[in-house]
């Protein structure tokens, strides 16, 4: 366990405070997205189309960007990056499901706020991760040729 704690400390030293803020933001967005309760009687569930589809795609890309940045700057702390990002997603999903089951009204409100929050968190994540993702992609493309 000391090994994992050392890797997590190393990871947080390398990724920066804004990465952690983006991770916390994505954690909250995932809670909001998974807090959607079952539709009430007479209520129709919306299909993903247009802007909602793009927001969903951005919301899926955010943890990937966070993970890529953590791996690129984590100095070998791949295990710690995987543990943190996957644990955040699983814990957020469980919390959201509990909110949806216990307080459907709150779940609906959180779920309505999710797209706006997802775009804001994606923008922060792109700001935080663009340089390391760009460098990693350049090295992959340059090394392949």
Protein backbone atom coordinates (compact mmCIF):
# COMPACT_ATOMS: atom_id res chain seq x y z
CA UNK A 1 0.00 0.00 0.00
CA UNK A 2 2.93 2.34 0.62
CA UNK A 3 3.97 1.77 -2.99
CA UNK A 4 0.56 2.94 -4.27
CA UNK A 5 0.60 5.97 -1.95
CA UNK A 6 4.06 6.90 -3.23
CA UNK A 7 2.88 6.61 -6.84
CA UNK A 8 -0.19 8.74 -6.13
CA UNK A 9 1.97 11.40 -4.44
CA UNK A 10 4.34 11.32 -7.43
CA UNK A 11 1.42 11.65 -9.81
CA UNK A 12 -0.08 14.66 -8.03
CA UNK A 13 3.33 16.32 -7.91
CA UNK A 14 3.66 15.98 -11.70
CA UNK A 15 0.17 16.63 -13.07
CA UNK A 16 -0.52 19.93 -11.32
CA UNK A 17 -3.36 21.47 -9.38
CA UNK A 18 -5.54 22.30 -12.38
CA UNK A 19 -5.50 18.63 -13.40
CA UNK A 20 -6.86 17.77 -9.98
CA UNK A 21 -9.50 20.52 -10.34
CA UNK A 22 -10.52 19.08 -13.72
CA UNK A 23 -10.70 15.59 -12.18
CA UNK A 24 -12.95 16.86 -9.38
CA UNK A 25 -15.09 18.69 -11.95
CA UNK A 26 -15.43 15.55 -14.05
CA UNK A 27 -16.28 13.59 -10.90
CA UNK A 28 -19.16 15.98 -10.24
CA UNK A 29 -20.27 15.88 -13.89
CA UNK A 30 -20.36 12.08 -13.77
CA UNK A 31 -22.48 12.24 -10.62
CA UNK A 32 -24.89 14.62 -12.37
CA UNK A 33 -25.07 12.44 -15.47
CA UNK A 34 -25.70 9.23 -13.57
CA UNK A 35 -28.26 10.83 -11.25
CA UNK A 36 -30.96 10.62 -13.93
CA UNK A 37 -33.98 8.89 -12.40
CA UNK A 38 -36.41 6.70 -14.25
CA UNK A 39 -38.89 8.72 -16.31
CA UNK A 40 -42.08 9.62 -14.46
CA UNK A 41 -45.45 8.61 -15.85
CA UNK A 42 -46.15 10.47 -19.04
CA UNK A 43 -42.56 11.68 -19.28
CA UNK A 44 -40.61 10.67 -22.36
CA UNK A 45 -36.91 9.96 -22.23
CA UNK A 46 -34.98 12.16 -24.65
CA UNK A 47 -32.95 10.64 -27.44
CA UNK A 48 -29.39 11.83 -27.99
CA UNK A 49 -29.30 14.14 -30.97
CA UNK A 50 -27.63 17.35 -32.02
CA UNK A 51 -25.91 19.27 -29.26
CA UNK A 52 -26.76 16.64 -26.64
CA UNK A 53 -24.82 14.05 -28.61
CA UNK A 54 -21.77 16.31 -28.84
CA UNK A 55 -21.93 17.08 -25.13
CA UNK A 56 -22.05 13.34 -24.41
CA UNK A 57 -19.01 12.77 -26.59
CA UNK A 58 -17.13 15.59 -24.84
CA UNK A 59 -18.08 14.12 -21.50
CA UNK A 60 -16.64 10.76 -22.56
CA UNK A 61 -13.43 12.34 -23.87
CA UNK A 62 -12.71 14.25 -20.66
CA UNK A 63 -11.60 11.26 -18.55
CA UNK A 64 -9.54 10.00 -21.50
CA UNK A 65 -7.72 13.34 -21.74
CA UNK A 66 -7.16 13.36 -17.99
CA UNK A 67 -5.72 9.85 -18.14
CA UNK A 68 -3.48 10.63 -21.12
CA UNK A 69 -2.15 13.74 -19.38
CA UNK A 70 -1.54 11.80 -16.17
CA UNK A 71 0.32 9.07 -18.04
CA UNK A 72 2.32 11.55 -20.13
CA UNK A 73 3.43 13.64 -17.15
CA UNK A 74 3.25 11.04 -14.40
CA UNK A 75 6.80 9.77 -14.78
CA UNK A 76 5.84 6.12 -14.80
CA UNK A 77 2.88 6.37 -12.45
CA UNK A 78 0.56 4.60 -14.89
CA UNK A 79 -0.92 2.41 -12.17
CA UNK A 80 -1.74 5.39 -9.96
CA UNK A 81 -3.31 7.28 -12.89
CA UNK A 82 -5.47 4.32 -13.80
CA UNK A 83 -6.55 3.77 -10.21
CA UNK A 84 -7.50 7.40 -9.67
CA UNK A 85 -9.39 7.96 -12.93
CA UNK A 86 -11.25 4.62 -12.88
CA UNK A 87 -12.06 4.91 -9.16
CA UNK A 88 -13.42 8.43 -9.70
CA UNK A 89 -15.69 7.18 -12.50
CA UNK A 90 -16.99 4.20 -10.52
CA UNK A 91 -17.56 6.13 -7.30
CA UNK A 92 -19.31 8.96 -9.17
CA UNK A 93 -21.61 6.50 -10.93
CA UNK A 94 -22.56 4.84 -7.65
CA UNK A 95 -23.23 8.17 -5.95
CA UNK A 96 -25.36 9.30 -8.91
CA UNK A 97 -27.41 6.09 -8.87
CA UNK A 98 -28.00 6.50 -5.13
CA UNK A 99 -29.16 10.11 -5.65
CA UNK A 100 -31.49 9.01 -8.47
CA UNK A 101 -33.01 6.29 -6.28
CA UNK A 102 -33.33 8.31 -3.07
CA UNK A 103 -34.18 11.79 -4.38
CA UNK A 104 -35.50 11.71 -7.97
CA UNK A 105 -36.24 15.45 -7.98
CA UNK A 106 -32.66 16.29 -7.08
CA UNK A 107 -31.47 13.74 -9.63
CA UNK A 108 -33.50 15.41 -12.39
CA UNK A 109 -32.09 18.80 -11.48
CA UNK A 110 -28.53 17.51 -11.42
CA UNK A 111 -29.08 15.70 -14.71
CA UNK A 112 -30.36 18.88 -16.36
CA UNK A 113 -27.23 20.74 -15.20
CA UNK A 114 -24.88 18.02 -16.45
CA UNK A 115 -24.50 19.21 -20.09
CA UNK A 116 -23.52 22.74 -19.08
CA UNK A 117 -21.09 21.48 -16.48
CA UNK A 118 -19.68 18.91 -18.91
CA UNK A 119 -18.79 21.59 -21.46
CA UNK A 120 -17.14 23.76 -18.79
CA UNK A 121 -15.14 20.84 -17.38
CA UNK A 122 -14.13 19.74 -20.88
CA UNK A 123 -12.85 23.26 -21.60
CA UNK A 124 -10.80 23.21 -18.38
CA UNK A 125 -9.50 19.74 -19.20
CA UNK A 126 -8.43 20.79 -22.70
CA UNK A 127 -6.66 23.82 -21.22
CA UNK A 128 -4.84 21.63 -18.70
CA UNK A 129 -3.97 18.71 -20.98
CA UNK A 130 -3.47 20.12 -24.47
CA UNK A 131 0.31 20.45 -24.27
CA UNK A 132 1.02 16.94 -22.98
CA UNK A 133 -1.51 15.36 -25.35
CA UNK A 134 -0.06 17.31 -28.29
CA UNK A 135 3.49 16.28 -27.33
CA UNK A 136 2.48 12.65 -26.93
CA UNK A 137 0.70 12.60 -30.30
CA UNK A 138 3.72 14.23 -31.99
CA UNK A 139 6.06 11.64 -30.52
CA UNK A 140 3.76 8.79 -31.58
CA UNK A 141 3.39 10.12 -35.13
CA UNK A 142 7.07 11.08 -35.43
CA UNK A 143 8.26 7.76 -34.04
CA UNK A 144 6.05 5.74 -36.38
CA UNK A 145 7.55 7.25 -39.55
